Amino acid sequence: MVVWLSSAAYAEQGTATFYTPPYVPSSCNGYQNDGVLIAAASAPIFNNKAACGRSYRVTCTGATNQGVPQPCKGTSVVVKIVDLCPSPGCQATLDLSQEAFATIANPDAGKITIEYNQV
């Protein structure tokens, strides 16, 4: 019997929204400028600041509403976690910067389904 193992890394599934500037202060780094390819993590990922500084590759996989039925651009983006997407108001797994979201999807969608993994 032969077993084939995939070389592709396992990706988590979730949703993404976006937030707009200003991006400081952040929960992780205060007033430090971390650039624009950043994200806020939901509480389970943020894990009391354990996720601060981690990088994730995020890929759009589809729409969450009928307004933009095909929002994905077919690309991925690597973002650094710099903030907490606070509960109970957090509406997604990852809250991407506006620039990061626009790299992978049409911002008019507002919320998308994603695959993400730590890099």
PDB file of N, CA and C in Angstrom:
ATOM      1  N   MET A   1       0.838  -1.163   0.000  1.00  0.00           N
ATOM      2  CA  MET A   1       0.000   0.000   0.000  1.00  0.00           C
ATOM      3  C   MET A   1       0.896   1.243   0.000  1.00  0.00           C
ATOM      4  N   VAL A   2       0.586   2.199  -0.848  1.00  0.00           N
ATOM      5  CA  VAL A   2       1.348   3.436  -0.954  1.00  0.00           C
ATOM      6  C   VAL A   2       0.496   4.579  -0.418  1.00  0.00           C
ATOM      7  N   VAL A   3       1.107   5.388   0.427  1.00  0.00           N
ATOM      8  CA  VAL A   3       0.414   6.548   0.977  1.00  0.00           C
ATOM      9  C   VAL A   3       1.092   7.796   0.434  1.00  0.00           C
ATOM     10  N   TRP A   4       0.304   8.680  -0.167  1.00  0.00           N
ATOM     11  CA  TRP A   4       0.828   9.939  -0.707  1.00  0.00           C
ATOM     12  C   TRP A   4       0.532  11.044   0.278  1.00  0.00           C
ATOM     13  N   LEU A   5       1.541  11.809   0.598  1.00  0.00           N
ATOM     14  CA  LEU A   5       1.366  12.955   1.479  1.00  0.00           C
ATOM     15  C   LEU A   5       1.467  14.233   0.666  1.00  0.00           C
ATOM     16  N   SER A   6       0.566  15.126   0.919  1.00  0.00           N
ATOM     17  CA  SER A   6       0.573  16.401   0.214  1.00  0.00           C
ATOM     18  C   SER A   6       1.669  17.298   0.786  1.00  0.00           C
ATOM     19  N   SER A   7       2.336  18.029  -0.088  1.00  0.00           N
ATOM     20  CA  SER A   7       3.366  18.958   0.369  1.00  0.00           C
ATOM     21  C   SER A   7       2.772  20.320   0.734  1.00  0.00           C
ATOM     22  N   ALA A   8       1.509  20.525   0.418  1.00  0.00           N
ATOM     23  CA  ALA A   8       0.875  21.796   0.738  1.00  0.00           C
ATOM     24  C   ALA A   8       0.617  21.885   2.238  1.00  0.00           C
ATOM     25  N   ALA A   9       0.848  23.042   2.783  1.00  0.00           N
ATOM     26  CA  ALA A   9       0.611  23.261   4.204  1.00  0.00           C
ATOM     27  C   ALA A   9      -0.891  23.320   4.471  1.00  0.00           C
ATOM     28  N   TYR A  10      -1.276  22.866   5.629  1.00  0.00           N
ATOM     29  CA  TYR A  10      -2.672  22.908   6.015  1.00  0.00           C
ATOM     30  C   TYR A  10      -3.079  24.349   6.281  1.00  0.00           C
ATOM     31  N   ALA A  11      -4.205  24.760   5.766  1.00  0.00           N
ATOM     32  CA  ALA A  11      -4.682  26.124   5.968  1.00  0.00           C
ATOM     33  C   ALA A  11      -5.960  26.109   6.799  1.00  0.00           C
ATOM     34  N   GLU A  12      -6.042  27.028   7.734  1.00  0.00           N
ATOM     35  CA  GLU A  12      -7.265  27.226   8.515  1.00  0.00           C
ATOM     36  C   GLU A  12      -8.268  27.978   7.660  1.00  0.00           C
ATOM     37  N   GLN A  13      -9.533  27.852   7.996  1.00  0.00           N
ATOM     38  CA  GLN A  13     -10.572  28.569   7.273  1.00  0.00           C
ATOM     39  C   GLN A  13     -11.246  29.554   8.200  1.00  0.00           C
ATOM     40  N   GLY A  14     -11.651  30.688   7.657  1.00  0.00           N
ATOM     41  CA  GLY A  14     -12.324  31.694   8.465  1.00  0.00           C
ATOM     42  C   GLY A  14     -12.886  32.790   7.593  1.00  0.00           C
ATOM     43  N   THR A  15     -13.020  33.967   8.187  1.00  0.00           N
ATOM     44  CA  THR A  15     -13.529  35.130   7.473  1.00  0.00           C
ATOM     45  C   THR A  15     -12.613  36.321   7.722  1.00  0.00           C
ATOM     46  N   ALA A  16     -12.688  37.279   6.824  1.00  0.00           N
ATOM     47  CA  ALA A  16     -11.900  38.508   6.977  1.00  0.00           C
ATOM     48  C   ALA A  16     -12.769  39.722   6.678  1.00  0.00           C
ATOM     49  N   THR A  17     -12.524  40.760   7.435  1.00  0.00           N
ATOM     50  CA  THR A  17     -13.087  42.077   7.201  1.00  0.00           C
ATOM     51  C   THR A  17     -11.893  43.023   7.089  1.00  0.00           C
ATOM     52  N   PHE A  18     -12.147  44.337   7.051  1.00  0.00           N
ATOM     53  CA  PHE A  18     -11.007  45.257   7.044  1.00  0.00           C
ATOM     54  C   PHE A  18     -11.313  46.496   7.855  1.00  0.00           C
ATOM     55  N   TYR A  19     -10.227  47.140   8.296  1.00  0.00           N
ATOM     56  CA  TYR A  19     -10.332  48.407   9.005  1.00  0.00           C
ATOM     57  C   TYR A  19      -9.469  49.430   8.287  1.00  0.00           C
ATOM     58  N   THR A  20      -9.729  50.693   8.569  1.00  0.00           N
ATOM     59  CA  THR A  20      -9.072  51.781   7.848  1.00  0.00           C
ATOM     60  C   THR A  20      -8.145  52.571   8.781  1.00  0.00           C
ATOM     61  N   PRO A  21      -7.194  53.316   8.183  1.00  0.00           N
ATOM     62  CA  PRO A  21      -6.274  54.119   8.989  1.00  0.00           C
ATOM     63  C   PRO A  21      -7.037  55.121   9.857  1.00  0.00           C
ATOM     64  N   PRO A  22      -6.428  55.569  10.946  1.00  0.00           N
ATOM     65  CA  PRO A  22      -5.044  55.331  11.354  1.00  0.00           C
ATOM     66  C   PRO A  22      -4.885  53.955  12.000  1.00  0.00           C
ATOM     67  N   TYR A  23      -3.721  53.348  11.812  1.00  0.00           N
ATOM     68  CA  TYR A  23      -3.441  52.004  12.318  1.00  0.00           C
ATOM     69  C   TYR A  23      -2.703  52.006  13.656  1.00  0.00           C
ATOM     70  N   VAL A  24      -2.426  53.180  14.190  1.00  0.00           N
ATOM     71  CA  VAL A  24      -1.783  53.281  15.499  1.00  0.00           C
ATOM     72  C   VAL A  24      -2.686  54.102  16.413  1.00  0.00           C
ATOM     73  N   PRO A  25      -2.704  53.804  17.699  1.00  0.00           N
ATOM     74  CA  PRO A  25      -1.885  52.796  18.371  1.00  0.00           C
ATOM     75  C   PRO A  25      -2.448  51.386  18.162  1.00  0.00           C
ATOM     76  N   SER A  26      -1.610  50.389  18.377  1.00  0.00           N
ATOM     77  CA  SER A  26      -2.038  48.994  18.290  1.00  0.00           C
ATOM     78  C   SER A  26      -1.823  48.318  19.638  1.00  0.00           C
ATOM     79  N   SER A  27      -2.535  47.224  19.857  1.00  0.00           N
ATOM     80  CA  SER A  27      -2.410  46.478  21.122  1.00  0.00           C
ATOM     81  C   SER A  27      -1.008  45.915  21.311  1.00  0.00           C
ATOM     82  N   CYS A  28      -0.363  45.552  20.203  1.00  0.00           N
ATOM     83  CA  CYS A  28       0.952  44.910  20.289  1.00  0.00           C
ATOM     84  C   CYS A  28       2.093  45.899  20.422  1.00  0.00           C
ATOM     85  N   ASN A  29       2.046  46.991  19.649  1.00  0.00           N
ATOM     86  CA  ASN A  29       3.221  47.845  19.531  1.00  0.00           C
ATOM     87  C   ASN A  29       2.979  49.319  19.818  1.00  0.00           C
ATOM     88  N   GLY A  30       1.873  49.658  20.428  1.00  0.00           N
ATOM     89  CA  GLY A  30       1.612  51.052  20.761  1.00  0.00           C
ATOM     90  C   GLY A  30       1.620  51.943  19.535  1.00  0.00           C
ATOM     91  N   TYR A  31       2.485  52.958  19.545  1.00  0.00           N
ATOM     92  CA  TYR A  31       2.534  53.917  18.445  1.00  0.00           C
ATOM     93  C   TYR A  31       3.592  53.596  17.382  1.00  0.00           C
ATOM     94  N   GLN A  32       4.160  52.419  17.427  1.00  0.00           N
ATOM     95  CA  GLN A  32       5.141  52.013  16.407  1.00  0.00           C
ATOM     96  C   GLN A  32       4.429  51.828  15.063  1.00  0.00           C
ATOM     97  N   ASN A  33       5.022  52.347  13.997  1.00  0.00           N
ATOM     98  CA  ASN A  33       4.473  52.180  12.655  1.00  0.00           C
ATOM     99  C   ASN A  33       4.866  50.806  12.135  1.00  0.00           C
ATOM    100  N   ASP A  34       3.881  49.947  11.922  1.00  0.00           N
ATOM    101  CA  ASP A  34       4.130  48.596  11.418  1.00  0.00           C
ATOM    102  C   ASP A  34       3.830  48.455   9.940  1.00  0.00           C
ATOM    103  N   GLY A  35       3.677  49.566   9.224  1.00  0.00           N
ATOM    104  CA  GLY A  35       3.369  49.510   7.805  1.00  0.00           C
ATOM    105  C   GLY A  35       1.888  49.299   7.580  1.00  0.00           C
ATOM    106  N   VAL A  36       1.542  48.830   6.379  1.00  0.00           N
ATOM    107  CA  VAL A  36       0.124  48.690   6.040  1.00  0.00           C
ATOM    108  C   VAL A  36      -0.315  47.256   5.799  1.00  0.00           C
ATOM    109  N   LEU A  37       0.603  46.314   5.710  1.00  0.00           N
ATOM    110  CA  LEU A  37       0.206  44.910   5.523  1.00  0.00           C
ATOM    111  C   LEU A  37       0.134  44.254   6.897  1.00  0.00           C
ATOM    112  N   ILE A  38      -0.926  44.641   7.617  1.00  0.00           N
ATOM    113  CA  ILE A  38      -1.099  44.249   9.007  1.00  0.00           C
ATOM    114  C   ILE A  38      -2.512  43.726   9.218  1.00  0.00           C
ATOM    115  N   ALA A  39      -2.746  43.164  10.411  1.00  0.00           N
ATOM    116  CA  ALA A  39      -4.077  42.658  10.737  1.00  0.00           C
ATOM    117  C   ALA A  39      -4.293  42.652  12.237  1.00  0.00           C
ATOM    118  N   ALA A  40      -5.567  42.687  12.593  1.00  0.00           N
ATOM    119  CA  ALA A  40      -6.000  42.456  13.962  1.00  0.00           C
ATOM    120  C   ALA A  40      -6.587  41.054  14.002  1.00  0.00           C
ATOM    121  N   ALA A  41      -6.252  40.310  15.037  1.00  0.00           N
ATOM    122  CA  ALA A  41      -6.706  38.927  15.166  1.00  0.00           C
ATOM    123  C   ALA A  41      -7.878  38.832  16.124  1.00  0.00           C
ATOM    124  N   SER A  42      -8.775  37.893  15.857  1.00  0.00           N
ATOM    125  CA  SER A  42      -9.853  37.616  16.792  1.00  0.00           C
ATOM    126  C   SER A  42      -9.241  37.059  18.073  1.00  0.00           C
ATOM    127  N   ALA A  43      -9.995  37.107  19.156  1.00  0.00           N
ATOM    128  CA  ALA A  43      -9.475  36.713  20.468  1.00  0.00           C
ATOM    129  C   ALA A  43      -8.845  35.319  20.504  1.00  0.00           C
ATOM    130  N   PRO A  44      -9.450  34.292  19.864  1.00  0.00           N
ATOM    131  CA  PRO A  44      -8.816  32.972  19.934  1.00  0.00           C
ATOM    132  C   PRO A  44      -7.416  32.929  19.294  1.00  0.00           C
ATOM    133  N   ILE A  45      -7.210  33.663  18.212  1.00  0.00           N
ATOM    134  CA  ILE A  45      -5.891  33.708  17.563  1.00  0.00           C
ATOM    135  C   ILE A  45      -4.961  34.617  18.354  1.00  0.00           C
ATOM    136  N   PHE A  46      -5.476  35.772  18.791  1.00  0.00           N
ATOM    137  CA  PHE A  46      -4.658  36.755  19.514  1.00  0.00           C
ATOM    138  C   PHE A  46      -4.076  36.155  20.790  1.00  0.00           C
ATOM    139  N   ASN A  47      -4.877  35.366  21.497  1.00  0.00           N
ATOM    140  CA  ASN A  47      -4.424  34.584  22.650  1.00  0.00           C
ATOM    141  C   ASN A  47      -3.615  35.423  23.644  1.00  0.00           C
ATOM    142  N   ASN A  48      -4.252  36.510  24.112  1.00  0.00           N
ATOM    143  CA  ASN A  48      -3.624  37.368  25.120  1.00  0.00           C
ATOM    144  C   ASN A  48      -2.231  37.855  24.685  1.00  0.00           C
ATOM    145  N   LYS A  49      -2.143  38.338  23.459  1.00  0.00           N
ATOM    146  CA  LYS A  49      -0.934  38.911  22.838  1.00  0.00           C
ATOM    147  C   LYS A  49       0.084  37.877  22.348  1.00  0.00           C
ATOM    148  N   ALA A  50      -0.191  36.594  22.473  1.00  0.00           N
ATOM    149  CA  ALA A  50       0.756  35.576  22.001  1.00  0.00           C
ATOM    150  C   ALA A  50       0.967  35.663  20.486  1.00  0.00           C
ATOM    151  N   ALA A  51      -0.027  36.170  19.752  1.00  0.00           N
ATOM    152  CA  ALA A  51       0.080  36.253  18.287  1.00  0.00           C
ATOM    153  C   ALA A  51       0.804  37.510  17.808  1.00  0.00           C
ATOM    154  N   CYS A  52       1.110  38.434  18.702  1.00  0.00           N
ATOM    155  CA  CYS A  52       1.772  39.681  18.292  1.00  0.00           C
ATOM    156  C   CYS A  52       3.055  39.377  17.511  1.00  0.00           C
ATOM    157  N   GLY A  53       3.149  39.966  16.319  1.00  0.00           N
ATOM    158  CA  GLY A  53       4.333  39.796  15.485  1.00  0.00           C
ATOM    159  C   GLY A  53       4.301  38.589  14.570  1.00  0.00           C
ATOM    160  N   ARG A  54       3.362  37.679  14.749  1.00  0.00           N
ATOM    161  CA  ARG A  54       3.268  36.515  13.860  1.00  0.00           C
ATOM    162  C   ARG A  54       2.790  36.960  12.479  1.00  0.00           C
ATOM    163  N   SER A  55       3.261  36.265  11.461  1.00  0.00           N
ATOM    164  CA  SER A  55       2.826  36.542  10.095  1.00  0.00           C
ATOM    165  C   SER A  55       1.935  35.428   9.600  1.00  0.00           C
ATOM    166  N   TYR A  56       0.909  35.817   8.849  1.00  0.00           N
ATOM    167  CA  TYR A  56      -0.038  34.868   8.268  1.00  0.00           C
ATOM    168  C   TYR A  56      -0.209  35.152   6.785  1.00  0.00           C
ATOM    169  N   ARG A  57      -0.237  34.084   5.995  1.00  0.00           N
ATOM    170  CA  ARG A  57      -0.583  34.198   4.575  1.00  0.00           C
ATOM    171  C   ARG A  57      -2.089  34.028   4.484  1.00  0.00           C
ATOM    172  N   VAL A  58      -2.761  34.992   3.865  1.00  0.00           N
ATOM    173  CA  VAL A  58      -4.217  35.019   3.776  1.00  0.00           C
ATOM    174  C   VAL A  58      -4.630  34.995   2.309  1.00  0.00           C
ATOM    175  N   THR A  59      -5.567  34.112   1.990  1.00  0.00           N
ATOM    176  CA  THR A  59      -6.072  33.982   0.630  1.00  0.00           C
ATOM    177  C   THR A  59      -7.594  34.058   0.656  1.00  0.00           C
ATOM    178  N   CYS A  60      -8.160  34.868  -0.195  1.00  0.00           N
ATOM    179  CA  CYS A  60      -9.611  34.956  -0.334  1.00  0.00           C
ATOM    180  C   CYS A  60     -10.115  33.685  -1.013  1.00  0.00           C
ATOM    181  N   THR A  61     -11.194  33.113  -0.455  1.00  0.00           N
ATOM    182  CA  THR A  61     -11.778  31.910  -1.062  1.00  0.00           C
ATOM    183  C   THR A  61     -13.200  32.119  -1.545  1.00  0.00           C
ATOM    184  N   GLY A  62     -13.836  33.215  -1.147  1.00  0.00           N
ATOM    185  CA  GLY A  62     -15.196  33.434  -1.626  1.00  0.00           C
ATOM    186  C   GLY A  62     -15.914  34.560  -0.913  1.00  0.00           C
ATOM    187  N   ALA A  63     -17.169  34.719  -1.315  1.00  0.00           N
ATOM    188  CA  ALA A  63     -18.021  35.787  -0.797  1.00  0.00           C
ATOM    189  C   ALA A  63     -18.784  35.324   0.436  1.00  0.00           C
ATOM    190  N   THR A  64     -19.201  36.285   1.250  1.00  0.00           N
ATOM    191  CA  THR A  64     -20.087  35.988   2.378  1.00  0.00           C
ATOM    192  C   THR A  64     -21.446  36.637   2.186  1.00  0.00           C
ATOM    193  N   ASN A  65     -21.621  37.366   1.086  1.00  0.00           N
ATOM    194  CA  ASN A  65     -22.907  38.019   0.828  1.00  0.00           C
ATOM    195  C   ASN A  65     -23.188  38.030  -0.672  1.00  0.00           C
ATOM    196  N   GLN A  66     -24.383  38.441  -1.023  1.00  0.00           N
ATOM    197  CA  GLN A  66     -24.787  38.472  -2.425  1.00  0.00           C
ATOM    198  C   GLN A  66     -24.352  39.749  -3.148  1.00  0.00           C
ATOM    199  N   GLY A  67     -23.913  40.757  -2.405  1.00  0.00           N
ATOM    200  CA  GLY A  67     -23.558  42.038  -3.010  1.00  0.00           C
ATOM    201  C   GLY A  67     -22.407  41.955  -3.991  1.00  0.00           C
ATOM    202  N   VAL A  68     -21.371  41.200  -3.657  1.00  0.00           N
ATOM    203  CA  VAL A  68     -20.219  40.995  -4.530  1.00  0.00           C
ATOM    204  C   VAL A  68     -20.006  39.481  -4.607  1.00  0.00           C
ATOM    205  N   PRO A  69     -20.637  38.817  -5.585  1.00  0.00           N
ATOM    206  CA  PRO A  69     -20.615  37.352  -5.608  1.00  0.00           C
ATOM    207  C   PRO A  69     -19.243  36.739  -5.872  1.00  0.00           C
ATOM    208  N   GLN A  70     -18.337  37.463  -6.502  1.00  0.00           N
ATOM    209  CA  GLN A  70     -16.995  36.943  -6.784  1.00  0.00           C
ATOM    210  C   GLN A  70     -15.954  37.993  -6.418  1.00  0.00           C
ATOM    211  N   PRO A  71     -15.691  38.171  -5.120  1.00  0.00           N
ATOM    212  CA  PRO A  71     -14.802  39.253  -4.685  1.00  0.00           C
ATOM    213  C   PRO A  71     -13.312  38.949  -4.809  1.00  0.00           C
ATOM    214  N   CYS A  72     -12.941  37.686  -4.919  1.00  0.00           N
ATOM    215  CA  CYS A  72     -11.530  37.304  -4.838  1.00  0.00           C
ATOM    216  C   CYS A  72     -10.738  37.709  -6.066  1.00  0.00           C
ATOM    217  N   LYS A  73      -9.483  38.112  -5.845  1.00  0.00           N
ATOM    218  CA  LYS A  73      -8.583  38.512  -6.924  1.00  0.00           C
ATOM    219  C   LYS A  73      -7.618  37.409  -7.327  1.00  0.00           C
ATOM    220  N   GLY A  74      -7.657  36.262  -6.646  1.00  0.00           N
ATOM    221  CA  GLY A  74      -6.776  35.150  -6.998  1.00  0.00           C
ATOM    222  C   GLY A  74      -5.355  35.308  -6.480  1.00  0.00           C
ATOM    223  N   THR A  75      -5.177  36.168  -5.486  1.00  0.00           N
ATOM    224  CA  THR A  75      -3.853  36.393  -4.909  1.00  0.00           C
ATOM    225  C   THR A  75      -3.903  36.123  -3.409  1.00  0.00           C
ATOM    226  N   SER A  76      -2.738  36.152  -2.788  1.00  0.00           N
ATOM    227  CA  SER A  76      -2.679  36.059  -1.332  1.00  0.00           C
ATOM    228  C   SER A  76      -1.817  37.211  -0.836  1.00  0.00           C
ATOM    229  N   VAL A  77      -1.874  37.438   0.472  1.00  0.00           N
ATOM    230  CA  VAL A  77      -1.103  38.510   1.091  1.00  0.00           C
ATOM    231  C   VAL A  77      -0.573  37.992   2.423  1.00  0.00           C
ATOM    232  N   VAL A  78       0.614  38.436   2.789  1.00  0.00           N
ATOM    233  CA  VAL A  78       1.172  38.095   4.098  1.00  0.00           C
ATOM    234  C   VAL A  78       1.014  39.329   4.984  1.00  0.00           C
ATOM    235  N   VAL A  79       0.368  39.119   6.130  1.00  0.00           N
ATOM    236  CA  VAL A  79       0.143  40.204   7.079  1.00  0.00           C
ATOM    237  C   VAL A  79       0.770  39.869   8.423  1.00  0.00           C
ATOM    238  N   LYS A  80       1.099  40.915   9.176  1.00  0.00           N
ATOM    239  CA  LYS A  80       1.644  40.750  10.515  1.00  0.00           C
ATOM    240  C   LYS A  80       0.561  41.132  11.522  1.00  0.00           C
ATOM    241  N   ILE A  81       0.389  40.306  12.547  1.00  0.00           N
ATOM    242  CA  ILE A  81      -0.591  40.597  13.588  1.00  0.00           C
ATOM    243  C   ILE A  81      -0.039  41.693  14.501  1.00  0.00           C
ATOM    244  N   VAL A  82      -0.789  42.804  14.580  1.00  0.00           N
ATOM    245  CA  VAL A  82      -0.371  43.926  15.418  1.00  0.00           C
ATOM    246  C   VAL A  82      -1.454  44.361  16.396  1.00  0.00           C
ATOM    247  N   ASP A  83      -2.637  43.747  16.294  1.00  0.00           N
ATOM    248  CA  ASP A  83      -3.732  44.235  17.116  1.00  0.00           C
ATOM    249  C   ASP A  83      -4.740  43.134  17.406  1.00  0.00           C
ATOM    250  N   LEU A  84      -5.633  43.437  18.340  1.00  0.00           N
ATOM    251  CA  LEU A  84      -6.747  42.566  18.691  1.00  0.00           C
ATOM    252  C   LEU A  84      -8.002  43.101  18.042  1.00  0.00           C
ATOM    253  N   CYS A  85      -8.756  42.229  17.427  1.00  0.00           N
ATOM    254  CA  CYS A  85     -10.089  42.555  16.929  1.00  0.00           C
ATOM    255  C   CYS A  85     -11.020  42.260  18.110  1.00  0.00           C
ATOM    256  N   PRO A  86     -11.463  43.298  18.836  1.00  0.00           N
ATOM    257  CA  PRO A  86     -12.090  43.085  20.138  1.00  0.00           C
ATOM    258  C   PRO A  86     -13.453  42.400  20.075  1.00  0.00           C
ATOM    259  N   SER A  87     -13.652  41.503  21.008  1.00  0.00           N
ATOM    260  CA  SER A  87     -14.951  40.838  21.171  1.00  0.00           C
ATOM    261  C   SER A  87     -15.808  41.725  22.066  1.00  0.00           C
ATOM    262  N   PRO A  88     -17.103  41.729  21.946  1.00  0.00           N
ATOM    263  CA  PRO A  88     -17.905  40.949  21.032  1.00  0.00           C
ATOM    264  C   PRO A  88     -18.098  41.613  19.676  1.00  0.00           C
ATOM    265  N   GLY A  89     -17.513  42.791  19.458  1.00  0.00           N
ATOM    266  CA  GLY A  89     -17.715  43.504  18.206  1.00  0.00           C
ATOM    267  C   GLY A  89     -17.000  42.921  17.005  1.00  0.00           C
ATOM    268  N   CYS A  90     -16.007  42.069  17.217  1.00  0.00           N
ATOM    269  CA  CYS A  90     -15.239  41.508  16.107  1.00  0.00           C
ATOM    270  C   CYS A  90     -16.139  40.616  15.256  1.00  0.00           C
ATOM    271  N   GLN A  91     -16.181  40.897  13.979  1.00  0.00           N
ATOM    272  CA  GLN A  91     -17.074  40.185  13.069  1.00  0.00           C
ATOM    273  C   GLN A  91     -16.346  39.205  12.156  1.00  0.00           C
ATOM    274  N   ALA A  92     -15.058  38.930  12.433  1.00  0.00           N
ATOM    275  CA  ALA A  92     -14.289  38.071  11.540  1.00  0.00           C
ATOM    276  C   ALA A  92     -13.159  37.388  12.296  1.00  0.00           C
ATOM    277  N   THR A  93     -12.563  36.405  11.638  1.00  0.00           N
ATOM    278  CA  THR A  93     -11.394  35.721  12.177  1.00  0.00           C
ATOM    279  C   THR A  93     -10.205  36.666  12.181  1.00  0.00           C
ATOM    280  N   LEU A  94     -10.000  37.352  11.038  1.00  0.00           N
ATOM    281  CA  LEU A  94      -8.940  38.351  10.902  1.00  0.00           C
ATOM    282  C   LEU A  94      -9.549  39.644  10.375  1.00  0.00           C
ATOM    283  N   ASP A  95      -9.140  40.750  10.959  1.00  0.00           N
ATOM    284  CA  ASP A  95      -9.545  42.069  10.491  1.00  0.00           C
ATOM    285  C   ASP A  95      -8.311  42.675   9.834  1.00  0.00           C
ATOM    286  N   LEU A  96      -8.279  42.655   8.518  1.00  0.00           N
ATOM    287  CA  LEU A  96      -7.110  43.090   7.752  1.00  0.00           C
ATOM    288  C   LEU A  96      -7.090  44.600   7.602  1.00  0.00           C
ATOM    289  N   SER A  97      -5.894  45.152   7.401  1.00  0.00           N
ATOM    290  CA  SER A  97      -5.817  46.560   7.013  1.00  0.00           C
ATOM    291  C   SER A  97      -6.522  46.697   5.663  1.00  0.00           C
ATOM    292  N   GLN A  98      -6.980  47.901   5.379  1.00  0.00           N
ATOM    293  CA  GLN A  98      -7.665  48.150   4.114  1.00  0.00           C
ATOM    294  C   GLN A  98      -6.779  47.761   2.929  1.00  0.00           C
ATOM    295  N   GLU A  99      -5.493  48.074   3.021  1.00  0.00           N
ATOM    296  CA  GLU A  99      -4.563  47.772   1.924  1.00  0.00           C
ATOM    297  C   GLU A  99      -4.379  46.266   1.743  1.00  0.00           C
ATOM    298  N   ALA A 100      -4.289  45.515   2.823  1.00  0.00           N
ATOM    299  CA  ALA A 100      -4.133  44.063   2.731  1.00  0.00           C
ATOM    300  C   ALA A 100      -5.388  43.428   2.135  1.00  0.00           C
ATOM    301  N   PHE A 101      -6.558  43.870   2.595  1.00  0.00           N
ATOM    302  CA  PHE A 101      -7.818  43.344   2.068  1.00  0.00           C
ATOM    303  C   PHE A 101      -7.917  43.596   0.565  1.00  0.00           C
ATOM    304  N   ALA A 102      -7.595  44.830   0.155  1.00  0.00           N
ATOM    305  CA  ALA A 102      -7.694  45.200  -1.270  1.00  0.00           C
ATOM    306  C   ALA A 102      -6.723  44.412  -2.142  1.00  0.00           C
ATOM    307  N   THR A 103      -5.667  43.871  -1.558  1.00  0.00           N
ATOM    308  CA  THR A 103      -4.712  43.053  -2.311  1.00  0.00           C
ATOM    309  C   THR A 103      -5.343  41.724  -2.735  1.00  0.00           C
ATOM    310  N   ILE A 104      -6.239  41.199  -1.895  1.00  0.00           N
ATOM    311  CA  ILE A 104      -6.800  39.871  -2.187  1.00  0.00           C
ATOM    312  C   ILE A 104      -8.259  39.874  -2.615  1.00  0.00           C
ATOM    313  N   ALA A 105      -8.976  40.999  -2.377  1.00  0.00           N
ATOM    314  CA  ALA A 105     -10.408  41.013  -2.681  1.00  0.00           C
ATOM    315  C   ALA A 105     -10.911  42.425  -2.948  1.00  0.00           C
ATOM    316  N   ASN A 106     -12.068  42.490  -3.558  1.00  0.00           N
ATOM    317  CA  ASN A 106     -12.744  43.754  -3.806  1.00  0.00           C
ATOM    318  C   ASN A 106     -13.244  44.301  -2.461  1.00  0.00           C
ATOM    319  N   PRO A 107     -12.782  45.488  -2.037  1.00  0.00           N
ATOM    320  CA  PRO A 107     -13.214  46.038  -0.755  1.00  0.00           C
ATOM    321  C   PRO A 107     -14.729  46.237  -0.642  1.00  0.00           C
ATOM    322  N   ASP A 108     -15.418  46.371  -1.773  1.00  0.00           N
ATOM    323  CA  ASP A 108     -16.871  46.525  -1.735  1.00  0.00           C
ATOM    324  C   ASP A 108     -17.554  45.322  -1.091  1.00  0.00           C
ATOM    325  N   ALA A 109     -16.873  44.171  -1.057  1.00  0.00           N
ATOM    326  CA  ALA A 109     -17.448  42.970  -0.449  1.00  0.00           C
ATOM    327  C   ALA A 109     -17.583  43.144   1.063  1.00  0.00           C
ATOM    328  N   GLY A 110     -16.653  43.869   1.686  1.00  0.00           N
ATOM    329  CA  GLY A 110     -16.726  44.107   3.121  1.00  0.00           C
ATOM    330  C   GLY A 110     -16.291  42.938   3.984  1.00  0.00           C
ATOM    331  N   LYS A 111     -16.740  41.742   3.647  1.00  0.00           N
ATOM    332  CA  LYS A 111     -16.394  40.531   4.395  1.00  0.00           C
ATOM    333  C   LYS A 111     -16.277  39.378   3.409  1.00  0.00           C
ATOM    334  N   ILE A 112     -15.239  38.569   3.583  1.00  0.00           N
ATOM    335  CA  ILE A 112     -14.976  37.452   2.671  1.00  0.00           C
ATOM    336  C   ILE A 112     -14.649  36.196   3.466  1.00  0.00           C
ATOM    337  N   THR A 113     -14.721  35.053   2.791  1.00  0.00           N
ATOM    338  CA  THR A 113     -14.213  33.829   3.388  1.00  0.00           C
ATOM    339  C   THR A 113     -12.739  33.704   2.990  1.00  0.00           C
ATOM    340  N   ILE A 114     -11.945  33.143   3.896  1.00  0.00           N
ATOM    341  CA  ILE A 114     -10.494  33.063   3.673  1.00  0.00           C
ATOM    342  C   ILE A 114      -9.938  31.714   4.095  1.00  0.00           C
ATOM    343  N   GLU A 115      -8.742  31.455   3.600  1.00  0.00           N
ATOM    344  CA  GLU A 115      -7.862  30.437   4.144  1.00  0.00           C
ATOM    345  C   GLU A 115      -6.635  31.194   4.633  1.00  0.00           C
ATOM    346  N   TYR A 116      -6.089  30.756   5.771  1.00  0.00           N
ATOM    347  CA  TYR A 116      -4.912  31.433   6.315  1.00  0.00           C
ATOM    348  C   TYR A 116      -4.036  30.421   7.032  1.00  0.00           C
ATOM    349  N   ASN A 117      -2.748  30.679   6.990  1.00  0.00           N
ATOM    350  CA  ASN A 117      -1.806  29.856   7.749  1.00  0.00           C
ATOM    351  C   ASN A 117      -0.616  30.695   8.162  1.00  0.00           C
ATOM    352  N   GLN A 118      -0.028  30.313   9.290  1.00  0.00           N
ATOM    353  CA  GLN A 118       1.120  31.036   9.804  1.00  0.00           C
ATOM    354  C   GLN A 118       2.333  30.737   8.933  1.00  0.00           C
ATOM    355  N   VAL A 119       3.106  31.779   8.637  1.00  0.00           N
ATOM    356  CA  VAL A 119       4.323  31.611   7.817  1.00  0.00           C
ATOM    357  C   VAL A 119       5.546  32.005   8.611  1.00  0.00           C
TER     358      VAL A 119
END
